């Protein structure tokens, strides 16, 4: 089975093939064999090399969120118009990218300051949701134009957290 998704704003094709009681998971050149067991509606147990790894799932409309190994990913099916910015980010005609909260939660830490240069994949904000810390990263290089939140603040899904001026 082949699935195409936007994972943290990057279009990915994931191929899942049954192999006995295991699955082969292929993402480009990356290959992994894993046992996959559904624990509950929102939990999967992956067994990779004999090591168990819990994977937590959440859904907010069309968006899905996956937390595994201390990292969280926003996943959605791509549209025909899908660009290079992650779900939860909007780019204005002036090149300003609005980084939005992927789900309701509490801002734990803001890792950047206004005027700061940021690189692709740099941690911008940490938002706690569903008892998991979700690190919101930059999908592109840019400069922090405005910070709309502070540590301790409760945010709703789609609230603008940070505005970046894109360098591309």
N, C-alpha and C. Protein backbone atom coordinates (compact mmCIF):
# COMPACT_ATOMS: atom_id res chain seq x y z
N UNK A 1 0.84 -1.17 0.00
CA UNK A 1 0.00 0.00 0.00
C UNK A 1 0.89 1.23 0.00
N UNK A 2 0.54 2.20 -0.81
CA UNK A 2 1.32 3.43 -0.91
C UNK A 2 0.47 4.59 -0.42
N UNK A 3 1.07 5.43 0.44
CA UNK A 3 0.39 6.58 1.01
C UNK A 3 1.22 7.81 0.73
N UNK A 4 0.55 8.90 0.34
CA UNK A 4 1.24 10.16 0.13
C UNK A 4 0.72 11.15 1.16
N UNK A 5 1.65 11.78 1.88
CA UNK A 5 1.30 12.71 2.96
C UNK A 5 2.21 13.91 2.94
N UNK A 6 1.75 14.97 3.61
CA UNK A 6 2.63 16.07 3.98
C UNK A 6 3.00 15.80 5.42
N UNK A 7 4.29 15.62 5.69
CA UNK A 7 4.77 15.39 7.04
C UNK A 7 5.65 16.58 7.40
N UNK A 8 5.18 17.39 8.36
CA UNK A 8 5.87 18.63 8.72
C UNK A 8 6.16 19.47 7.49
N UNK A 9 5.18 19.52 6.56
CA UNK A 9 5.28 20.37 5.39
C UNK A 9 6.04 19.79 4.23
N UNK A 10 6.56 18.59 4.35
CA UNK A 10 7.32 17.97 3.27
C UNK A 10 6.49 16.83 2.69
N UNK A 11 6.33 16.83 1.36
CA UNK A 11 5.57 15.77 0.70
C UNK A 11 6.38 14.48 0.75
N UNK A 12 5.77 13.43 1.30
CA UNK A 12 6.45 12.14 1.45
C UNK A 12 5.57 11.03 0.92
N UNK A 13 6.18 10.03 0.35
CA UNK A 13 5.47 8.83 -0.08
C UNK A 13 5.94 7.69 0.81
N UNK A 14 5.02 7.10 1.53
CA UNK A 14 5.31 6.00 2.45
C UNK A 14 4.70 4.73 1.85
N UNK A 15 5.51 3.69 1.73
CA UNK A 15 5.03 2.41 1.22
C UNK A 15 5.03 1.42 2.38
N UNK A 16 3.89 0.78 2.60
CA UNK A 16 3.72 -0.18 3.68
C UNK A 16 3.38 -1.53 3.05
N UNK A 17 4.25 -2.53 3.26
CA UNK A 17 4.04 -3.85 2.68
C UNK A 17 4.05 -4.91 3.77
N UNK A 18 2.99 -5.75 3.82
CA UNK A 18 2.98 -6.84 4.80
C UNK A 18 4.06 -7.87 4.46
N UNK A 19 4.72 -8.38 5.50
CA UNK A 19 5.77 -9.38 5.33
C UNK A 19 5.65 -10.35 6.50
N UNK A 20 4.81 -11.38 6.33
CA UNK A 20 4.53 -12.29 7.43
C UNK A 20 3.76 -11.55 8.51
N UNK A 21 4.25 -11.62 9.76
CA UNK A 21 3.60 -10.89 10.85
C UNK A 21 4.23 -9.52 11.07
N UNK A 22 5.08 -9.10 10.14
CA UNK A 22 5.74 -7.79 10.20
C UNK A 22 5.28 -6.95 9.01
N UNK A 23 5.73 -5.70 9.01
CA UNK A 23 5.51 -4.81 7.88
C UNK A 23 6.84 -4.22 7.47
N UNK A 24 7.01 -4.01 6.17
CA UNK A 24 8.15 -3.27 5.66
C UNK A 24 7.65 -1.86 5.40
N UNK A 25 8.32 -0.88 5.99
CA UNK A 25 7.96 0.52 5.83
C UNK A 25 9.07 1.17 5.03
N UNK A 26 8.70 1.80 3.89
CA UNK A 26 9.71 2.42 3.03
C UNK A 26 9.35 3.89 2.84
N UNK A 27 10.33 4.75 3.10
CA UNK A 27 10.20 6.20 2.90
C UNK A 27 11.42 6.61 2.09
N UNK A 28 11.27 6.65 0.77
CA UNK A 28 12.43 6.93 -0.10
C UNK A 28 13.43 5.79 0.03
N UNK A 29 14.67 6.10 0.37
CA UNK A 29 15.71 5.09 0.55
C UNK A 29 15.70 4.48 1.95
N UNK A 30 14.92 5.05 2.86
CA UNK A 30 14.85 4.55 4.23
C UNK A 30 13.94 3.33 4.27
N UNK A 31 14.44 2.23 4.83
CA UNK A 31 13.68 0.99 4.91
C UNK A 31 13.68 0.51 6.36
N UNK A 32 12.52 0.07 6.83
CA UNK A 32 12.38 -0.35 8.21
C UNK A 32 11.42 -1.53 8.26
N UNK A 33 11.77 -2.55 9.04
CA UNK A 33 10.84 -3.65 9.29
C UNK A 33 10.31 -3.48 10.70
N UNK A 34 8.99 -3.57 10.84
CA UNK A 34 8.38 -3.33 12.15
C UNK A 34 7.14 -4.18 12.33
N UNK A 35 6.93 -4.59 13.57
CA UNK A 35 5.66 -5.18 13.95
C UNK A 35 4.78 -4.03 14.39
N UNK A 36 3.54 -4.03 13.96
CA UNK A 36 2.63 -2.93 14.30
C UNK A 36 1.38 -3.53 14.93
N UNK A 37 1.06 -3.07 16.13
CA UNK A 37 -0.10 -3.59 16.86
C UNK A 37 -0.93 -2.41 17.35
N UNK A 38 -2.23 -2.43 17.08
CA UNK A 38 -3.12 -1.37 17.57
C UNK A 38 -3.42 -1.65 19.04
N UNK A 39 -3.11 -0.69 19.91
CA UNK A 39 -3.36 -0.82 21.34
C UNK A 39 -4.73 -0.23 21.68
N UNK A 40 -5.02 0.93 21.10
CA UNK A 40 -6.31 1.59 21.27
C UNK A 40 -6.56 2.44 20.04
N UNK A 41 -7.65 3.17 20.05
CA UNK A 41 -7.98 4.02 18.91
C UNK A 41 -6.88 5.05 18.63
N UNK A 42 -6.16 5.46 19.66
CA UNK A 42 -5.16 6.52 19.51
C UNK A 42 -3.74 6.07 19.83
N UNK A 43 -3.51 4.76 19.91
CA UNK A 43 -2.18 4.26 20.25
C UNK A 43 -1.83 3.05 19.38
N UNK A 44 -0.59 3.05 18.89
CA UNK A 44 -0.04 1.90 18.18
C UNK A 44 1.24 1.50 18.88
N UNK A 45 1.52 0.21 18.88
CA UNK A 45 2.78 -0.29 19.42
C UNK A 45 3.61 -0.79 18.25
N UNK A 46 4.75 -0.14 17.99
CA UNK A 46 5.69 -0.57 16.96
C UNK A 46 6.77 -1.38 17.64
N UNK A 47 7.17 -2.46 17.02
CA UNK A 47 8.31 -3.24 17.50
C UNK A 47 9.34 -3.21 16.39
N UNK A 48 10.46 -2.56 16.68
CA UNK A 48 11.54 -2.43 15.71
C UNK A 48 12.78 -3.04 16.34
N UNK A 49 13.32 -4.06 15.69
CA UNK A 49 14.51 -4.73 16.24
C UNK A 49 14.27 -5.25 17.65
N UNK A 50 13.05 -5.69 17.95
CA UNK A 50 12.73 -6.21 19.27
C UNK A 50 12.42 -5.14 20.31
N UNK A 51 12.66 -3.86 19.97
CA UNK A 51 12.39 -2.77 20.91
C UNK A 51 10.99 -2.21 20.69
N UNK A 52 10.20 -2.09 21.75
CA UNK A 52 8.86 -1.52 21.60
C UNK A 52 8.91 0.01 21.57
N UNK A 53 8.04 0.61 20.79
CA UNK A 53 7.93 2.08 20.72
C UNK A 53 6.46 2.42 20.60
N UNK A 54 5.94 3.15 21.58
CA UNK A 54 4.54 3.58 21.52
C UNK A 54 4.43 4.78 20.58
N UNK A 55 3.38 4.77 19.78
CA UNK A 55 3.09 5.85 18.85
C UNK A 55 1.69 6.34 19.18
N UNK A 56 1.56 7.64 19.38
CA UNK A 56 0.28 8.23 19.76
C UNK A 56 -0.28 9.01 18.58
N UNK A 57 -1.58 8.87 18.36
CA UNK A 57 -2.25 9.48 17.22
C UNK A 57 -3.34 10.43 17.70
N UNK A 58 -3.50 11.54 17.00
CA UNK A 58 -4.60 12.47 17.28
C UNK A 58 -5.07 13.04 15.96
N UNK A 59 -6.29 13.53 15.93
CA UNK A 59 -6.85 14.07 14.70
C UNK A 59 -7.56 15.38 15.02
N UNK A 60 -7.40 16.36 14.13
CA UNK A 60 -8.08 17.64 14.22
C UNK A 60 -8.53 17.99 12.82
N UNK A 61 -9.75 17.64 12.47
CA UNK A 61 -10.23 17.85 11.11
C UNK A 61 -9.46 16.96 10.15
N UNK A 62 -8.90 17.57 9.11
CA UNK A 62 -8.13 16.82 8.11
C UNK A 62 -6.71 16.51 8.58
N UNK A 63 -6.27 17.20 9.60
CA UNK A 63 -4.90 17.01 10.08
C UNK A 63 -4.81 15.88 11.07
N UNK A 64 -3.68 15.19 11.01
CA UNK A 64 -3.39 14.13 11.97
C UNK A 64 -2.08 14.49 12.64
N UNK A 65 -1.95 14.08 13.88
CA UNK A 65 -0.73 14.34 14.63
C UNK A 65 -0.22 13.01 15.15
N UNK A 66 1.07 12.80 14.98
CA UNK A 66 1.71 11.57 15.42
C UNK A 66 2.84 11.94 16.36
N UNK A 67 2.87 11.32 17.53
CA UNK A 67 3.96 11.52 18.49
C UNK A 67 4.64 10.18 18.71
N UNK A 68 5.95 10.19 18.52
CA UNK A 68 6.74 8.96 18.71
C UNK A 68 8.16 9.34 19.06
N UNK A 69 8.73 8.64 20.00
CA UNK A 69 10.13 8.86 20.36
C UNK A 69 10.44 10.28 20.78
N UNK A 70 9.49 10.95 21.40
CA UNK A 70 9.72 12.32 21.87
C UNK A 70 9.56 13.38 20.79
N UNK A 71 9.21 12.99 19.56
CA UNK A 71 8.98 13.96 18.48
C UNK A 71 7.53 13.89 18.05
N UNK A 72 7.02 15.01 17.59
CA UNK A 72 5.66 15.07 17.08
C UNK A 72 5.67 15.54 15.65
N UNK A 73 4.74 15.00 14.87
CA UNK A 73 4.66 15.33 13.46
C UNK A 73 3.23 15.69 13.10
N UNK A 74 3.06 16.74 12.30
CA UNK A 74 1.76 17.07 11.73
C UNK A 74 1.71 16.39 10.37
N UNK A 75 0.67 15.60 10.14
CA UNK A 75 0.55 14.82 8.91
C UNK A 75 -0.80 15.11 8.29
N UNK A 76 -0.81 15.37 6.98
CA UNK A 76 -2.08 15.51 6.28
C UNK A 76 -1.91 15.06 4.84
N UNK A 77 -3.01 14.71 4.22
CA UNK A 77 -2.96 14.34 2.83
C UNK A 77 -2.72 15.62 2.03
N UNK A 78 -1.79 15.57 1.05
CA UNK A 78 -1.49 16.79 0.29
C UNK A 78 -2.62 17.13 -0.68
N UNK A 79 -2.78 18.41 -0.92
CA UNK A 79 -3.71 18.84 -1.95
C UNK A 79 -2.90 19.09 -3.21
N UNK A 80 -3.58 19.30 -4.32
CA UNK A 80 -2.87 19.58 -5.57
C UNK A 80 -2.03 20.84 -5.46
N UNK A 81 -2.48 21.78 -4.63
CA UNK A 81 -1.78 23.06 -4.50
C UNK A 81 -0.74 23.05 -3.39
N UNK A 82 -0.51 21.89 -2.76
CA UNK A 82 0.39 21.85 -1.60
C UNK A 82 1.76 22.40 -1.96
N UNK A 83 2.20 23.36 -1.20
CA UNK A 83 3.51 23.96 -1.42
C UNK A 83 4.51 23.42 -0.45
N UNK A 84 5.53 24.20 -0.16
CA UNK A 84 6.59 23.69 0.70
C UNK A 84 6.40 24.10 2.16
N UNK A 85 5.36 24.88 2.47
CA UNK A 85 5.15 25.27 3.86
C UNK A 85 4.25 24.27 4.56
N UNK A 86 4.54 24.04 5.81
CA UNK A 86 3.83 23.03 6.60
C UNK A 86 2.40 23.44 6.87
N UNK A 87 1.57 22.44 7.12
CA UNK A 87 0.22 22.71 7.60
C UNK A 87 0.38 23.51 8.87
N UNK A 88 -0.46 24.51 9.03
CA UNK A 88 -0.30 25.38 10.19
C UNK A 88 0.55 26.59 9.86
N UNK A 89 0.96 26.71 8.59
CA UNK A 89 1.71 27.87 8.15
C UNK A 89 1.01 28.46 6.93
N UNK A 90 0.91 29.77 6.88
CA UNK A 90 0.35 30.44 5.72
C UNK A 90 1.35 31.49 5.26
N UNK A 91 1.53 31.60 3.95
CA UNK A 91 2.46 32.59 3.42
C UNK A 91 1.66 33.70 2.75
N UNK A 92 1.93 34.94 3.16
CA UNK A 92 1.25 36.08 2.58
C UNK A 92 2.00 36.51 1.32
N UNK A 93 1.38 37.37 0.51
CA UNK A 93 2.06 37.85 -0.70
C UNK A 93 3.36 38.60 -0.38
N UNK A 94 3.48 39.17 0.80
CA UNK A 94 4.68 39.92 1.18
C UNK A 94 5.79 39.00 1.67
N UNK A 95 5.60 37.69 1.63
CA UNK A 95 6.63 36.75 2.06
C UNK A 95 6.64 36.51 3.56
N UNK A 96 5.59 36.92 4.27
CA UNK A 96 5.50 36.67 5.71
C UNK A 96 4.80 35.33 5.91
N UNK A 97 5.43 34.45 6.68
CA UNK A 97 4.88 33.13 6.96
C UNK A 97 4.33 33.16 8.38
N UNK A 98 3.04 32.82 8.53
CA UNK A 98 2.42 32.75 9.85
C UNK A 98 2.49 31.32 10.34
N UNK A 99 3.22 31.10 11.44
CA UNK A 99 3.33 29.79 12.05
C UNK A 99 2.18 29.68 13.04
N UNK A 100 1.32 28.67 12.84
CA UNK A 100 0.12 28.54 13.67
C UNK A 100 0.18 27.30 14.53
N UNK A 101 -0.56 27.33 15.62
CA UNK A 101 -0.64 26.18 16.52
C UNK A 101 -1.35 25.04 15.81
N UNK A 102 -0.76 23.85 15.80
CA UNK A 102 -1.38 22.73 15.11
C UNK A 102 -2.59 22.17 15.85
N UNK A 103 -2.64 22.39 17.18
CA UNK A 103 -3.75 21.90 17.99
C UNK A 103 -3.81 22.75 19.26
N UNK A 104 -4.92 22.72 19.97
CA UNK A 104 -5.00 23.48 21.23
C UNK A 104 -3.96 22.97 22.23
N UNK A 105 -3.41 23.88 23.01
CA UNK A 105 -2.43 23.46 24.01
C UNK A 105 -1.91 24.65 24.80
N UNK A 106 -0.79 24.41 25.48
CA UNK A 106 -0.16 25.43 26.32
C UNK A 106 1.26 25.66 25.82
N UNK A 107 1.62 26.92 25.61
CA UNK A 107 2.98 27.26 25.18
C UNK A 107 3.91 27.01 26.36
N UNK A 108 4.87 26.13 26.17
CA UNK A 108 5.84 25.80 27.21
C UNK A 108 7.06 26.70 27.10
N UNK A 109 7.51 26.94 25.87
CA UNK A 109 8.73 27.72 25.68
C UNK A 109 8.75 28.34 24.29
N UNK A 110 9.20 29.58 24.21
CA UNK A 110 9.46 30.25 22.93
C UNK A 110 10.97 30.26 22.77
N UNK A 111 11.47 29.64 21.70
CA UNK A 111 12.91 29.44 21.52
C UNK A 111 13.60 30.48 20.66
N UNK A 112 12.87 31.50 20.21
CA UNK A 112 13.45 32.52 19.34
C UNK A 112 13.04 33.90 19.83
N UNK A 113 13.67 34.93 19.25
CA UNK A 113 13.36 36.32 19.59
C UNK A 113 13.07 37.08 18.31
N UNK A 114 12.31 38.16 18.42
CA UNK A 114 12.03 38.98 17.25
C UNK A 114 13.33 39.50 16.66
N UNK A 115 13.41 39.46 15.33
CA UNK A 115 14.61 39.91 14.62
C UNK A 115 15.65 38.83 14.42
N UNK A 116 15.47 37.68 15.04
CA UNK A 116 16.43 36.58 14.95
C UNK A 116 16.32 35.86 13.61
N UNK A 117 17.47 35.52 13.01
CA UNK A 117 17.50 34.66 11.83
C UNK A 117 17.24 33.23 12.27
N UNK A 118 16.44 32.51 11.49
CA UNK A 118 16.21 31.09 11.78
C UNK A 118 16.51 30.27 10.55
N UNK A 119 16.93 29.04 10.78
CA UNK A 119 17.23 28.14 9.69
C UNK A 119 16.10 27.12 9.56
N UNK A 120 16.07 26.42 8.47
CA UNK A 120 15.07 25.39 8.26
C UNK A 120 15.21 24.33 9.36
N UNK A 121 14.09 23.87 9.88
CA UNK A 121 13.99 22.86 10.94
C UNK A 121 14.42 23.35 12.32
N UNK A 122 14.67 24.64 12.49
CA UNK A 122 15.03 25.17 13.80
C UNK A 122 13.78 25.20 14.68
N UNK A 123 13.95 24.84 15.94
CA UNK A 123 12.85 24.86 16.90
C UNK A 123 12.43 26.30 17.18
N UNK A 124 11.13 26.58 17.04
CA UNK A 124 10.62 27.93 17.27
C UNK A 124 9.87 28.02 18.60
N UNK A 125 8.94 27.08 18.81
CA UNK A 125 8.06 27.11 19.97
C UNK A 125 7.79 25.67 20.41
N UNK A 126 7.62 25.46 21.71
CA UNK A 126 7.19 24.16 22.21
C UNK A 126 5.80 24.34 22.81
N UNK A 127 4.84 23.55 22.30
CA UNK A 127 3.46 23.60 22.76
C UNK A 127 3.12 22.24 23.35
N UNK A 128 2.59 22.22 24.57
CA UNK A 128 2.17 20.98 25.20
C UNK A 128 0.71 20.73 24.86
N UNK A 129 0.44 19.55 24.32
CA UNK A 129 -0.93 19.15 24.00
C UNK A 129 -1.05 17.65 24.24
N UNK A 130 -2.12 17.23 24.82
CA UNK A 130 -2.36 15.81 25.11
C UNK A 130 -1.21 15.21 25.91
N UNK A 131 -0.66 15.96 26.85
CA UNK A 131 0.42 15.53 27.73
C UNK A 131 1.72 15.23 26.98
N UNK A 132 1.83 15.74 25.75
CA UNK A 132 3.04 15.57 24.95
C UNK A 132 3.56 16.95 24.57
N UNK A 133 4.87 17.11 24.58
CA UNK A 133 5.45 18.36 24.13
C UNK A 133 5.66 18.29 22.63
N UNK A 134 5.10 19.26 21.90
CA UNK A 134 5.18 19.32 20.45
C UNK A 134 6.09 20.47 20.05
N UNK A 135 7.18 20.13 19.42
CA UNK A 135 8.14 21.14 19.00
C UNK A 135 7.72 21.66 17.63
N UNK A 136 7.45 22.96 17.53
CA UNK A 136 7.07 23.58 16.27
C UNK A 136 8.35 24.12 15.64
N UNK A 137 8.65 23.62 14.44
CA UNK A 137 9.90 23.97 13.77
C UNK A 137 9.63 24.80 12.53
N UNK A 138 10.63 25.55 12.11
CA UNK A 138 10.54 26.34 10.90
C UNK A 138 10.67 25.44 9.67
N UNK A 139 9.79 25.63 8.70
CA UNK A 139 9.85 24.85 7.46
C UNK A 139 10.78 25.49 6.44
N UNK A 140 11.25 26.71 6.71
CA UNK A 140 12.12 27.41 5.77
C UNK A 140 13.00 28.39 6.53
N UNK A 141 14.04 28.89 5.86
CA UNK A 141 14.88 29.94 6.45
C UNK A 141 14.11 31.24 6.47
N UNK A 142 14.38 32.06 7.48
CA UNK A 142 13.70 33.33 7.57
C UNK A 142 14.18 34.16 8.74
N UNK A 143 13.45 35.25 8.98
CA UNK A 143 13.73 36.15 10.10
C UNK A 143 12.45 36.29 10.90
N UNK A 144 12.54 36.17 12.22
CA UNK A 144 11.37 36.30 13.08
C UNK A 144 10.92 37.76 13.05
N UNK A 145 9.72 37.99 12.52
CA UNK A 145 9.18 39.35 12.45
C UNK A 145 8.37 39.70 13.69
N UNK A 146 7.58 38.73 14.18
CA UNK A 146 6.73 39.02 15.33
C UNK A 146 6.41 37.74 16.09
N UNK A 147 6.43 37.82 17.41
CA UNK A 147 6.05 36.70 18.27
C UNK A 147 4.71 37.07 18.91
N UNK A 148 3.72 36.21 18.75
CA UNK A 148 2.36 36.49 19.22
C UNK A 148 2.02 35.82 20.55
N UNK A 149 2.92 34.98 21.08
CA UNK A 149 2.62 34.22 22.29
C UNK A 149 3.78 34.29 23.27
N UNK A 150 3.52 33.87 24.50
CA UNK A 150 4.59 33.78 25.50
C UNK A 150 4.40 32.49 26.28
N UNK A 151 5.45 32.07 26.97
CA UNK A 151 5.41 30.84 27.77
C UNK A 151 4.26 30.92 28.78
N UNK A 152 3.53 29.81 28.92
CA UNK A 152 2.42 29.73 29.86
C UNK A 152 1.08 30.05 29.24
N UNK A 153 1.07 30.62 28.05
CA UNK A 153 -0.17 31.03 27.39
C UNK A 153 -0.89 29.81 26.81
N UNK A 154 -2.22 29.77 26.96
CA UNK A 154 -3.04 28.73 26.33
C UNK A 154 -3.40 29.20 24.93
N UNK A 155 -3.29 28.29 23.95
CA UNK A 155 -3.58 28.65 22.56
C UNK A 155 -4.58 27.67 21.97
N UNK A 156 -5.39 28.18 21.07
CA UNK A 156 -6.33 27.35 20.32
C UNK A 156 -5.66 26.89 19.03
N UNK A 157 -6.22 25.86 18.44
CA UNK A 157 -5.77 25.39 17.14
C UNK A 157 -5.88 26.55 16.15
N UNK A 158 -4.88 26.70 15.31
CA UNK A 158 -4.83 27.73 14.27
C UNK A 158 -4.47 29.13 14.77
N UNK A 159 -4.15 29.29 16.06
CA UNK A 159 -3.71 30.60 16.55
C UNK A 159 -2.31 30.87 16.01
N UNK A 160 -2.09 32.06 15.50
CA UNK A 160 -0.77 32.43 15.02
C UNK A 160 0.18 32.55 16.20
N UNK A 161 1.29 31.81 16.14
CA UNK A 161 2.29 31.83 17.19
C UNK A 161 3.41 32.81 16.86
N UNK A 162 3.92 32.71 15.62
CA UNK A 162 5.06 33.49 15.18
C UNK A 162 4.88 33.86 13.72
N UNK A 163 5.38 35.04 13.35
CA UNK A 163 5.43 35.43 11.93
C UNK A 163 6.89 35.47 11.52
N UNK A 164 7.20 34.81 10.40
CA UNK A 164 8.55 34.78 9.84
C UNK A 164 8.52 35.46 8.48
N UNK A 165 9.59 36.20 8.20
CA UNK A 165 9.77 36.73 6.85
C UNK A 165 10.65 35.74 6.13
N UNK A 166 10.10 35.12 5.10
CA UNK A 166 10.81 34.07 4.36
C UNK A 166 12.00 34.65 3.61
N UNK A 167 13.11 33.88 3.58
CA UNK A 167 14.29 34.29 2.82
C UNK A 167 14.27 33.77 1.40
N UNK A 168 13.25 32.94 1.08
CA UNK A 168 13.17 32.38 -0.28
C UNK A 168 12.02 32.92 -1.05
